Amino acid sequence: NLELRVPLLGALGLFPTPAVPPIEAAVFF
């Protein structure tokens, strides 16, 4: 498996939002 992951929301997300549950997008093979 190979994935390119981008955490979107959450404390460590691309758009830091500590009050929002973490959301992650990924492209996979």
mmCIF file of all heavy atoms, coordinates in Angstrom:
data_MODEL
# 
_entry.id   MODEL 
# 
loop_
_atom_site.group_PDB 
_atom_site.id 
_atom_site.type_symbol 
_atom_site.label_atom_id 
_atom_site.label_alt_id 
_atom_site.label_comp_id 
_atom_site.label_asym_id 
_atom_site.label_entity_id 
_atom_site.label_seq_id 
_atom_site.pdbx_PDB_ins_code 
_atom_site.Cartn_x 
_atom_site.Cartn_y 
_atom_site.Cartn_z 
_atom_site.occupancy 
_atom_site.B_iso_or_equiv 
_atom_site.pdbx_formal_charge 
_atom_site.auth_seq_id 
_atom_site.auth_comp_id 
_atom_site.auth_asym_id 
_atom_site.auth_atom_id 
_atom_site.pdbx_PDB_model_num 
ATOM 1   N N   . ASN A 1 1  ? 0.846   -1.197 0.000  1.00 0.00 ? 1  ASN A N   1 
ATOM 2   C CA  . ASN A 1 1  ? 0.000   0.000  0.000  1.00 0.00 ? 1  ASN A CA  1 
ATOM 3   C C   . ASN A 1 1  ? 0.880   1.245  0.000  1.00 0.00 ? 1  ASN A C   1 
ATOM 4   O O   . ASN A 1 1  ? 1.933   1.268  0.648  1.00 0.00 ? 1  ASN A O   1 
ATOM 5   C CB  . ASN A 1 1  ? -0.909  0.032  1.229  1.00 0.00 ? 1  ASN A CB  1 
ATOM 6   C CG  . ASN A 1 1  ? -1.667  -1.261 1.441  1.00 0.00 ? 1  ASN A CG  1 
ATOM 7   O OD1 . ASN A 1 1  ? -1.238  -2.095 2.220  1.00 0.00 ? 1  ASN A OD1 1 
ATOM 8   N ND2 . ASN A 1 1  ? -2.769  -1.443 0.740  1.00 0.00 ? 1  ASN A ND2 1 
ATOM 9   N N   . LEU A 1 2  ? 0.421   2.262  -0.711 1.00 0.00 ? 2  LEU A N   1 
ATOM 10  C CA  . LEU A 1 2  ? 1.121   3.552  -0.760 1.00 0.00 ? 2  LEU A CA  1 
ATOM 11  C C   . LEU A 1 2  ? 0.081   4.651  -0.676 1.00 0.00 ? 2  LEU A C   1 
ATOM 12  O O   . LEU A 1 2  ? -0.908  4.637  -1.420 1.00 0.00 ? 2  LEU A O   1 
ATOM 13  C CB  . LEU A 1 2  ? 1.931   3.677  -2.043 1.00 0.00 ? 2  LEU A CB  1 
ATOM 14  C CG  . LEU A 1 2  ? 2.918   4.843  -2.125 1.00 0.00 ? 2  LEU A CG  1 
ATOM 15  C CD1 . LEU A 1 2  ? 4.031   4.683  -1.085 1.00 0.00 ? 2  LEU A CD1 1 
ATOM 16  C CD2 . LEU A 1 2  ? 3.515   4.947  -3.522 1.00 0.00 ? 2  LEU A CD2 1 
ATOM 17  N N   . GLU A 1 3  ? 0.293   5.612  0.241  1.00 0.00 ? 3  GLU A N   1 
ATOM 18  C CA  . GLU A 1 3  ? -0.652  6.712  0.437  1.00 0.00 ? 3  GLU A CA  1 
ATOM 19  C C   . GLU A 1 3  ? 0.094   8.034  0.573  1.00 0.00 ? 3  GLU A C   1 
ATOM 20  O O   . GLU A 1 3  ? 1.159   8.089  1.199  1.00 0.00 ? 3  GLU A O   1 
ATOM 21  C CB  . GLU A 1 3  ? -1.490  6.503  1.707  1.00 0.00 ? 3  GLU A CB  1 
ATOM 22  C CG  . GLU A 1 3  ? -2.619  5.527  1.551  1.00 0.00 ? 3  GLU A CG  1 
ATOM 23  C CD  . GLU A 1 3  ? -3.576  5.575  2.731  1.00 0.00 ? 3  GLU A CD  1 
ATOM 24  O OE1 . GLU A 1 3  ? -3.348  6.393  3.647  1.00 0.00 ? 3  GLU A OE1 1 
ATOM 25  O OE2 . GLU A 1 3  ? -4.547  4.820  2.726  1.00 0.00 ? 3  GLU A OE2 1 
ATOM 26  N N   . LEU A 1 4  ? -0.493  9.076  0.007  1.00 0.00 ? 4  LEU A N   1 
ATOM 27  C CA  . LEU A 1 4  ? -0.041  10.448 0.210  1.00 0.00 ? 4  LEU A CA  1 
ATOM 28  C C   . LEU A 1 4  ? -1.120  11.147 1.020  1.00 0.00 ? 4  LEU A C   1 
ATOM 29  O O   . LEU A 1 4  ? -2.216  11.416 0.513  1.00 0.00 ? 4  LEU A O   1 
ATOM 30  C CB  . LEU A 1 4  ? 0.185   11.148 -1.131 1.00 0.00 ? 4  LEU A CB  1 
ATOM 31  C CG  . LEU A 1 4  ? 0.841   12.533 -1.073 1.00 0.00 ? 4  LEU A CG  1 
ATOM 32  C CD1 . LEU A 1 4  ? 2.245   12.442 -0.470 1.00 0.00 ? 4  LEU A CD1 1 
ATOM 33  C CD2 . LEU A 1 4  ? 0.893   13.165 -2.450 1.00 0.00 ? 4  LEU A CD2 1 
ATOM 34  N N   . ARG A 1 5  ? -0.815  11.415 2.292  1.00 0.00 ? 5  ARG A N   1 
ATOM 35  C CA  . ARG A 1 5  ? -1.812  11.898 3.239  1.00 0.00 ? 5  ARG A CA  1 
ATOM 36  C C   . ARG A 1 5  ? -1.655  13.381 3.517  1.00 0.00 ? 5  ARG A C   1 
ATOM 37  O O   . ARG A 1 5  ? -0.533  13.885 3.595  1.00 0.00 ? 5  ARG A O   1 
ATOM 38  C CB  . ARG A 1 5  ? -1.706  11.132 4.563  1.00 0.00 ? 5  ARG A CB  1 
ATOM 39  C CG  . ARG A 1 5  ? -1.919  9.633  4.427  1.00 0.00 ? 5  ARG A CG  1 
ATOM 40  C CD  . ARG A 1 5  ? -1.573  8.896  5.704  1.00 0.00 ? 5  ARG A CD  1 
ATOM 41  N NE  . ARG A 1 5  ? -1.842  7.460  5.593  1.00 0.00 ? 5  ARG A NE  1 
ATOM 42  C CZ  . ARG A 1 5  ? -1.454  6.557  6.473  1.00 0.00 ? 5  ARG A CZ  1 
ATOM 43  N NH1 . ARG A 1 5  ? -0.750  6.941  7.548  1.00 0.00 ? 5  ARG A NH1 1 
ATOM 44  N NH2 . ARG A 1 5  ? -1.738  5.286  6.296  1.00 0.00 ? 5  ARG A NH2 1 
ATOM 45  N N   . VAL A 1 6  ? -2.793  14.044 3.694  1.00 0.00 ? 6  VAL A N   1 
ATOM 46  C CA  . VAL A 1 6  ? -2.812  15.461 4.054  1.00 0.00 ? 6  VAL A CA  1 
ATOM 47  C C   . VAL A 1 6  ? -3.821  15.645 5.182  1.00 0.00 ? 6  VAL A C   1 
ATOM 48  O O   . VAL A 1 6  ? -5.033  15.618 4.938  1.00 0.00 ? 6  VAL A O   1 
ATOM 49  C CB  . VAL A 1 6  ? -3.188  16.360 2.861  1.00 0.00 ? 6  VAL A CB  1 
ATOM 50  C CG1 . VAL A 1 6  ? -3.151  17.830 3.282  1.00 0.00 ? 6  VAL A CG1 1 
ATOM 51  C CG2 . VAL A 1 6  ? -2.282  16.116 1.684  1.00 0.00 ? 6  VAL A CG2 1 
ATOM 52  N N   . PRO A 1 7  ? -3.378  15.786 6.443  1.00 0.00 ? 7  PRO A N   1 
ATOM 53  C CA  . PRO A 1 7  ? -4.317  16.124 7.522  1.00 0.00 ? 7  PRO A CA  1 
ATOM 54  C C   . PRO A 1 7  ? -4.895  17.518 7.265  1.00 0.00 ? 7  PRO A C   1 
ATOM 55  O O   . PRO A 1 7  ? -4.148  18.504 7.178  1.00 0.00 ? 7  PRO A O   1 
ATOM 56  C CB  . PRO A 1 7  ? -3.450  16.088 8.778  1.00 0.00 ? 7  PRO A CB  1 
ATOM 57  C CG  . PRO A 1 7  ? -2.246  15.268 8.397  1.00 0.00 ? 7  PRO A CG  1 
ATOM 58  C CD  . PRO A 1 7  ? -2.023  15.537 6.951  1.00 0.00 ? 7  PRO A CD  1 
ATOM 59  N N   . LEU A 1 8  ? -6.205  17.621 7.125  1.00 0.00 ? 8  LEU A N   1 
ATOM 60  C CA  . LEU A 1 8  ? -6.835  18.896 6.794  1.00 0.00 ? 8  LEU A CA  1 
ATOM 61  C C   . LEU A 1 8  ? -7.199  19.696 8.038  1.00 0.00 ? 8  LEU A C   1 
ATOM 62  O O   . LEU A 1 8  ? -6.791  20.850 8.187  1.00 0.00 ? 8  LEU A O   1 
ATOM 63  C CB  . LEU A 1 8  ? -8.085  18.640 5.941  1.00 0.00 ? 8  LEU A CB  1 
ATOM 64  C CG  . LEU A 1 8  ? -7.853  17.935 4.601  1.00 0.00 ? 8  LEU A CG  1 
ATOM 65  C CD1 . LEU A 1 8  ? -9.180  17.679 3.901  1.00 0.00 ? 8  LEU A CD1 1 
ATOM 66  C CD2 . LEU A 1 8  ? -6.928  18.768 3.724  1.00 0.00 ? 8  LEU A CD2 1 
ATOM 67  N N   . LEU A 1 9  ? -7.970  19.088 8.934  1.00 0.00 ? 9  LEU A N   1 
ATOM 68  C CA  . LEU A 1 9  ? -8.439  19.772 10.134 1.00 0.00 ? 9  LEU A CA  1 
ATOM 69  C C   . LEU A 1 9  ? -7.948  19.040 11.366 1.00 0.00 ? 9  LEU A C   1 
ATOM 70  O O   . LEU A 1 9  ? -7.495  17.900 11.299 1.00 0.00 ? 9  LEU A O   1 
ATOM 71  C CB  . LEU A 1 9  ? -9.965  19.852 10.134 1.00 0.00 ? 9  LEU A CB  1 
ATOM 72  C CG  . LEU A 1 9  ? -10.621 20.546 8.925  1.00 0.00 ? 9  LEU A CG  1 
ATOM 73  C CD1 . LEU A 1 9  ? -12.131 20.513 9.054  1.00 0.00 ? 9  LEU A CD1 1 
ATOM 74  C CD2 . LEU A 1 9  ? -10.120 21.969 8.770  1.00 0.00 ? 9  LEU A CD2 1 
ATOM 75  N N   . GLY A 1 10 ? -8.034  19.708 12.496 1.00 0.00 ? 10 GLY A N   1 
ATOM 76  C CA  . GLY A 1 10 ? -7.533  19.144 13.741 1.00 0.00 ? 10 GLY A CA  1 
ATOM 77  C C   . GLY A 1 10 ? -6.333  19.916 14.243 1.00 0.00 ? 10 GLY A C   1 
ATOM 78  O O   . GLY A 1 10 ? -5.843  20.852 13.604 1.00 0.00 ? 10 GLY A O   1 
ATOM 79  N N   . ALA A 1 11 ? -5.819  19.522 15.397 1.00 0.00 ? 11 ALA A N   1 
ATOM 80  C CA  . ALA A 1 11 ? -4.700  20.233 16.010 1.00 0.00 ? 11 ALA A CA  1 
ATOM 81  C C   . ALA A 1 11 ? -3.451  20.190 15.142 1.00 0.00 ? 11 ALA A C   1 
ATOM 82  O O   . ALA A 1 11 ? -2.648  21.127 15.153 1.00 0.00 ? 11 ALA A O   1 
ATOM 83  C CB  . ALA A 1 11 ? -4.404  19.638 17.388 1.00 0.00 ? 11 ALA A CB  1 
ATOM 84  N N   . LEU A 1 12 ? -3.237  19.106 14.355 1.00 0.00 ? 12 LEU A N   1 
ATOM 85  C CA  . LEU A 1 12 ? -2.056  18.968 13.509 1.00 0.00 ? 12 LEU A CA  1 
ATOM 86  C C   . LEU A 1 12 ? -2.381  19.137 12.030 1.00 0.00 ? 12 LEU A C   1 
ATOM 87  O O   . LEU A 1 12 ? -1.570  18.784 11.177 1.00 0.00 ? 12 LEU A O   1 
ATOM 88  C CB  . LEU A 1 12 ? -1.413  17.587 13.740 1.00 0.00 ? 12 LEU A CB  1 
ATOM 89  C CG  . LEU A 1 12 ? -0.988  17.267 15.167 1.00 0.00 ? 12 LEU A CG  1 
ATOM 90  C CD1 . LEU A 1 12 ? -0.444  15.848 15.255 1.00 0.00 ? 12 LEU A CD1 1 
ATOM 91  C CD2 . LEU A 1 12 ? 0.061   18.260 15.653 1.00 0.00 ? 12 LEU A CD2 1 
ATOM 92  N N   . GLY A 1 13 ? -3.563  19.675 11.714 1.00 0.00 ? 13 GLY A N   1 
ATOM 93  C CA  . GLY A 1 13 ? -4.000  19.777 10.337 1.00 0.00 ? 13 GLY A CA  1 
ATOM 94  C C   . GLY A 1 13 ? -3.384  20.922 9.568  1.00 0.00 ? 13 GLY A C   1 
ATOM 95  O O   . GLY A 1 13 ? -2.721  21.806 10.121 1.00 0.00 ? 13 GLY A O   1 
ATOM 96  N N   . LEU A 1 14 ? -3.608  20.896 8.264  1.00 0.00 ? 14 LEU A N   1 
ATOM 97  C CA  . LEU A 1 14 ? -3.150  21.980 7.398  1.00 0.00 ? 14 LEU A CA  1 
ATOM 98  C C   . LEU A 1 14 ? -3.798  23.296 7.811  1.00 0.00 ? 14 LEU A C   1 
ATOM 99  O O   . LEU A 1 14 ? -3.196  24.363 7.708  1.00 0.00 ? 14 LEU A O   1 
ATOM 100 C CB  . LEU A 1 14 ? -3.483  21.633 5.945  1.00 0.00 ? 14 LEU A CB  1 
ATOM 101 C CG  . LEU A 1 14 ? -2.930  22.550 4.857  1.00 0.00 ? 14 LEU A CG  1 
ATOM 102 C CD1 . LEU A 1 14 ? -1.407  22.538 4.857  1.00 0.00 ? 14 LEU A CD1 1 
ATOM 103 C CD2 . LEU A 1 14 ? -3.465  22.139 3.492  1.00 0.00 ? 14 LEU A CD2 1 
ATOM 104 N N   . PHE A 1 15 ? -5.031  23.215 8.274  1.00 0.00 ? 15 PHE A N   1 
ATOM 105 C CA  . PHE A 1 15 ? -5.740  24.368 8.839  1.00 0.00 ? 15 PHE A CA  1 
ATOM 106 C C   . PHE A 1 15 ? -6.015  24.040 10.305 1.00 0.00 ? 15 PHE A C   1 
ATOM 107 O O   . PHE A 1 15 ? -7.020  23.394 10.618 1.00 0.00 ? 15 PHE A O   1 
ATOM 108 C CB  . PHE A 1 15 ? -7.051  24.628 8.084  1.00 0.00 ? 15 PHE A CB  1 
ATOM 109 C CG  . PHE A 1 15 ? -6.872  24.739 6.603  1.00 0.00 ? 15 PHE A CG  1 
ATOM 110 C CD1 . PHE A 1 15 ? -7.134  23.661 5.766  1.00 0.00 ? 15 PHE A CD1 1 
ATOM 111 C CD2 . PHE A 1 15 ? -6.405  25.924 6.041  1.00 0.00 ? 15 PHE A CD2 1 
ATOM 112 C CE1 . PHE A 1 15 ? -6.971  23.762 4.410  1.00 0.00 ? 15 PHE A CE1 1 
ATOM 113 C CE2 . PHE A 1 15 ? -6.240  26.034 4.671  1.00 0.00 ? 15 PHE A CE2 1 
ATOM 114 C CZ  . PHE A 1 15 ? -6.503  24.947 3.855  1.00 0.00 ? 15 PHE A CZ  1 
ATOM 115 N N   . PRO A 1 16 ? -5.111  24.411 11.223 1.00 0.00 ? 16 PRO A N   1 
ATOM 116 C CA  . PRO A 1 16 ? -5.235  24.010 12.629 1.00 0.00 ? 16 PRO A CA  1 
ATOM 117 C C   . PRO A 1 16 ? -6.555  24.455 13.244 1.00 0.00 ? 16 PRO A C   1 
ATOM 118 O O   . PRO A 1 16 ? -6.876  25.647 13.272 1.00 0.00 ? 16 PRO A O   1 
ATOM 119 C CB  . PRO A 1 16 ? -4.044  24.715 13.305 1.00 0.00 ? 16 PRO A CB  1 
ATOM 120 C CG  . PRO A 1 16 ? -3.066  24.958 12.193 1.00 0.00 ? 16 PRO A CG  1 
ATOM 121 C CD  . PRO A 1 16 ? -3.904  25.218 10.974 1.00 0.00 ? 16 PRO A CD  1 
ATOM 122 N N   . THR A 1 17 ? -7.339  23.501 13.699 1.00 0.00 ? 17 THR A N   1 
ATOM 123 C CA  . THR A 1 17 ? -8.620  23.752 14.343 1.00 0.00 ? 17 THR A CA  1 
ATOM 124 C C   . THR A 1 17 ? -8.747  22.800 15.528 1.00 0.00 ? 17 THR A C   1 
ATOM 125 O O   . THR A 1 17 ? -9.336  21.718 15.408 1.00 0.00 ? 17 THR A O   1 
ATOM 126 C CB  . THR A 1 17 ? -9.785  23.533 13.358 1.00 0.00 ? 17 THR A CB  1 
ATOM 127 O OG1 . THR A 1 17 ? -9.630  22.236 12.759 1.00 0.00 ? 17 THR A OG1 1 
ATOM 128 C CG2 . THR A 1 17 ? -9.780  24.588 12.266 1.00 0.00 ? 17 THR A CG2 1 
ATOM 129 N N   . PRO A 1 18 ? -8.172  23.152 16.681 1.00 0.00 ? 18 PRO A N   1 
ATOM 130 C CA  . PRO A 1 18 ? -8.187  22.231 17.829 1.00 0.00 ? 18 PRO A CA  1 
ATOM 131 C C   . PRO A 1 18 ? -9.577  21.812 18.272 1.00 0.00 ? 18 PRO A C   1 
ATOM 132 O O   . PRO A 1 18 ? -9.748  20.732 18.842 1.00 0.00 ? 18 PRO A O   1 
ATOM 133 C CB  . PRO A 1 18 ? -7.472  23.030 18.921 1.00 0.00 ? 18 PRO A CB  1 
ATOM 134 C CG  . PRO A 1 18 ? -6.648  24.048 18.186 1.00 0.00 ? 18 PRO A CG  1 
ATOM 135 C CD  . PRO A 1 18 ? -7.439  24.397 16.961 1.00 0.00 ? 18 PRO A CD  1 
ATOM 136 N N   . ALA A 1 19 ? -10.595 22.642 18.014 1.00 0.00 ? 19 ALA A N   1 
ATOM 137 C CA  . ALA A 1 19 ? -11.946 22.324 18.475 1.00 0.00 ? 19 ALA A CA  1 
ATOM 138 C C   . ALA A 1 19 ? -12.700 21.408 17.520 1.00 0.00 ? 19 ALA A C   1 
ATOM 139 O O   . ALA A 1 19 ? -13.812 20.983 17.823 1.00 0.00 ? 19 ALA A O   1 
ATOM 140 C CB  . ALA A 1 19 ? -12.733 23.615 18.681 1.00 0.00 ? 19 ALA A CB  1 
ATOM 141 N N   . VAL A 1 20 ? -12.119 21.085 16.359 1.00 0.00 ? 20 VAL A N   1 
ATOM 142 C CA  . VAL A 1 20 ? -12.786 20.260 15.358 1.00 0.00 ? 20 VAL A CA  1 
ATOM 143 C C   . VAL A 1 20 ? -12.115 18.889 15.314 1.00 0.00 ? 20 VAL A C   1 
ATOM 144 O O   . VAL A 1 20 ? -10.881 18.806 15.355 1.00 0.00 ? 20 VAL A O   1 
ATOM 145 C CB  . VAL A 1 20 ? -12.716 20.941 13.970 1.00 0.00 ? 20 VAL A CB  1 
ATOM 146 C CG1 . VAL A 1 20 ? -13.349 20.052 12.902 1.00 0.00 ? 20 VAL A CG1 1 
ATOM 147 C CG2 . VAL A 1 20 ? -13.415 22.289 14.022 1.00 0.00 ? 20 VAL A CG2 1 
ATOM 148 N N   . PRO A 1 21 ? -12.878 17.788 15.239 1.00 0.00 ? 21 PRO A N   1 
ATOM 149 C CA  . PRO A 1 21 ? -12.263 16.458 15.142 1.00 0.00 ? 21 PRO A CA  1 
ATOM 150 C C   . PRO A 1 21 ? -11.344 16.356 13.929 1.00 0.00 ? 21 PRO A C   1 
ATOM 151 O O   . PRO A 1 21 ? -11.626 16.940 12.877 1.00 0.00 ? 21 PRO A O   1 
ATOM 152 C CB  . PRO A 1 21 ? -13.472 15.521 15.008 1.00 0.00 ? 21 PRO A CB  1 
ATOM 153 C CG  . PRO A 1 21 ? -14.598 16.265 15.621 1.00 0.00 ? 21 PRO A CG  1 
ATOM 154 C CD  . PRO A 1 21 ? -14.351 17.715 15.323 1.00 0.00 ? 21 PRO A CD  1 
ATOM 155 N N   . PRO A 1 22 ? -10.242 15.625 14.030 1.00 0.00 ? 22 PRO A N   1 
ATOM 156 C CA  . PRO A 1 22 ? -9.294  15.518 12.923 1.00 0.00 ? 22 PRO A CA  1 
ATOM 157 C C   . PRO A 1 22 ? -9.925  14.908 11.672 1.00 0.00 ? 22 PRO A C   1 
ATOM 158 O O   . PRO A 1 22 ? -10.657 13.918 11.741 1.00 0.00 ? 22 PRO A O   1 
ATOM 159 C CB  . PRO A 1 22 ? -8.196  14.607 13.480 1.00 0.00 ? 22 PRO A CB  1 
ATOM 160 C CG  . PRO A 1 22 ? -8.300  14.749 14.961 1.00 0.00 ? 22 PRO A CG  1 
ATOM 161 C CD  . PRO A 1 22 ? -9.750  14.946 15.247 1.00 0.00 ? 22 PRO A CD  1 
ATOM 162 N N   . ILE A 1 23 ? -9.624  15.511 10.525 1.00 0.00 ? 23 ILE A N   1 
ATOM 163 C CA  . ILE A 1 23 ? -10.068 15.026 9.218  1.00 0.00 ? 23 ILE A CA  1 
ATOM 164 C C   . ILE A 1 23 ? -8.850  14.968 8.308  1.00 0.00 ? 23 ILE A C   1 
ATOM 165 O O   . ILE A 1 23 ? -8.049  15.897 8.270  1.00 0.00 ? 23 ILE A O   1 
ATOM 166 C CB  . ILE A 1 23 ? -11.155 15.934 8.615  1.00 0.00 ? 23 ILE A CB  1 
ATOM 167 C CG1 . ILE A 1 23 ? -12.403 15.928 9.509  1.00 0.00 ? 23 ILE A CG1 1 
ATOM 168 C CG2 . ILE A 1 23 ? -11.515 15.493 7.203  1.00 0.00 ? 23 ILE A CG2 1 
ATOM 169 C CD1 . ILE A 1 23 ? -13.510 16.832 9.009  1.00 0.00 ? 23 ILE A CD1 1 
ATOM 170 N N   . GLU A 1 24 ? -8.721  13.865 7.556  1.00 0.00 ? 24 GLU A N   1 
ATOM 171 C CA  . GLU A 1 24 ? -7.552  13.633 6.713  1.00 0.00 ? 24 GLU A CA  1 
ATOM 172 C C   . GLU A 1 24 ? -7.991  13.180 5.329  1.00 0.00 ? 24 GLU A C   1 
ATOM 173 O O   . GLU A 1 24 ? -8.911  12.367 5.187  1.00 0.00 ? 24 GLU A O   1 
ATOM 174 C CB  . GLU A 1 24 ? -6.659  12.569 7.355  1.00 0.00 ? 24 GLU A CB  1 
ATOM 175 C CG  . GLU A 1 24 ? -5.467  12.145 6.519  1.00 0.00 ? 24 GLU A CG  1 
ATOM 176 C CD  . GLU A 1 24 ? -4.742  10.965 7.136  1.00 0.00 ? 24 GLU A CD  1 
ATOM 177 O OE1 . GLU A 1 24 ? -5.254  9.827  7.020  1.00 0.00 ? 24 GLU A OE1 1 
ATOM 178 O OE2 . GLU A 1 24 ? -3.688  11.176 7.751  1.00 0.00 ? 24 GLU A OE2 1 
ATOM 179 N N   . ALA A 1 25 ? -7.338  13.705 4.299  1.00 0.00 ? 25 ALA A N   1 
ATOM 180 C CA  . ALA A 1 25 ? -7.557  13.272 2.922  1.00 0.00 ? 25 ALA A CA  1 
ATOM 181 C C   . ALA A 1 25 ? -6.315  12.535 2.438  1.00 0.00 ? 25 ALA A C   1 
ATOM 182 O O   . ALA A 1 25 ? -5.196  12.808 2.901  1.00 0.00 ? 25 ALA A O   1 
ATOM 183 C CB  . ALA A 1 25 ? -7.854  14.466 2.019  1.00 0.00 ? 25 ALA A CB  1 
ATOM 184 N N   . ALA A 1 26 ? -6.489  11.600 1.501  1.00 0.00 ? 26 ALA A N   1 
ATOM 185 C CA  . ALA A 1 26 ? -5.362  10.801 1.024  1.00 0.00 ? 26 ALA A CA  1 
ATOM 186 C C   . ALA A 1 26 ? -5.608  10.341 -0.405 1.00 0.00 ? 26 ALA A C   1 
ATOM 187 O O   . ALA A 1 26 ? -6.750  10.099 -0.808 1.00 0.00 ? 26 ALA A O   1 
ATOM 188 C CB  . ALA A 1 26 ? -5.117  9.597  1.926  1.00 0.00 ? 26 ALA A CB  1 
ATOM 189 N N   . VAL A 1 27 ? -4.519  10.240 -1.165 1.00 0.00 ? 27 VAL A N   1 
ATOM 190 C CA  . VAL A 1 27 ? -4.507  9.583  -2.469 1.00 0.00 ? 27 VAL A CA  1 
ATOM 191 C C   . VAL A 1 27 ? -3.776  8.258  -2.267 1.00 0.00 ? 27 VAL A C   1 
ATOM 192 O O   . VAL A 1 27 ? -2.694  8.231  -1.672 1.00 0.00 ? 27 VAL A O   1 
ATOM 193 C CB  . VAL A 1 27 ? -3.782  10.443 -3.524 1.00 0.00 ? 27 VAL A CB  1 
ATOM 194 C CG1 . VAL A 1 27 ? -3.762  9.747  -4.871 1.00 0.00 ? 27 VAL A CG1 1 
ATOM 195 C CG2 . VAL A 1 27 ? -4.437  11.818 -3.635 1.00 0.00 ? 27 VAL A CG2 1 
ATOM 196 N N   . PHE A 1 28 ? -4.332  7.139  -2.761 1.00 0.00 ? 28 PHE A N   1 
ATOM 197 C CA  . PHE A 1 28 ? -3.759  5.840  -2.437 1.00 0.00 ? 28 PHE A CA  1 
ATOM 198 C C   . PHE A 1 28 ? -3.644  4.941  -3.664 1.00 0.00 ? 28 PHE A C   1 
ATOM 199 O O   . PHE A 1 28 ? -4.332  5.122  -4.679 1.00 0.00 ? 28 PHE A O   1 
ATOM 200 C CB  . PHE A 1 28 ? -4.596  5.141  -1.365 1.00 0.00 ? 28 PHE A CB  1 
ATOM 201 C CG  . PHE A 1 28 ? -5.989  4.754  -1.813 1.00 0.00 ? 28 PHE A CG  1 
ATOM 202 C CD1 . PHE A 1 28 ? -6.224  3.557  -2.486 1.00 0.00 ? 28 PHE A CD1 1 
ATOM 203 C CD2 . PHE A 1 28 ? -7.065  5.584  -1.552 1.00 0.00 ? 28 PHE A CD2 1 
ATOM 204 C CE1 . PHE A 1 28 ? -7.493  3.200  -2.900 1.00 0.00 ? 28 PHE A CE1 1 
ATOM 205 C CE2 . PHE A 1 28 ? -8.338  5.228  -1.957 1.00 0.00 ? 28 PHE A CE2 1 
ATOM 206 C CZ  . PHE A 1 28 ? -8.564  4.041  -2.639 1.00 0.00 ? 28 PHE A CZ  1 
ATOM 207 N N   . PHE A 1 29 ? -2.768  3.951  -3.529 1.00 0.00 ? 29 PHE A N   1 
ATOM 208 C CA  . PHE A 1 29 ? -2.623  2.863  -4.495 1.00 0.00 ? 29 PHE A CA  1 
ATOM 209 C C   . PHE A 1 29 ? -2.433  1.573  -3.702 1.00 0.00 ? 29 PHE A C   1 
ATOM 210 O O   . PHE A 1 29 ? -1.548  1.493  -2.836 1.00 0.00 ? 29 PHE A O   1 
ATOM 211 C CB  . PHE A 1 29 ? -1.427  3.095  -5.425 1.00 0.00 ? 29 PHE A CB  1 
ATOM 212 C CG  . PHE A 1 29 ? -1.202  1.967  -6.392 1.00 0.00 ? 29 PHE A CG  1 
ATOM 213 C CD1 . PHE A 1 29 ? -1.932  1.885  -7.562 1.00 0.00 ? 29 PHE A CD1 1 
ATOM 214 C CD2 . PHE A 1 29 ? -0.265  0.976  -6.126 1.00 0.00 ? 29 PHE A CD2 1 
ATOM 215 C CE1 . PHE A 1 29 ? -1.745  0.848  -8.465 1.00 0.00 ? 29 PHE A CE1 1 
ATOM 216 C CE2 . PHE A 1 29 ? -0.057  -0.072 -7.014 1.00 0.00 ? 29 PHE A CE2 1 
ATOM 217 C CZ  . PHE A 1 29 ? -0.805  -0.133 -8.188 1.00 0.00 ? 29 PHE A CZ  1 
# 
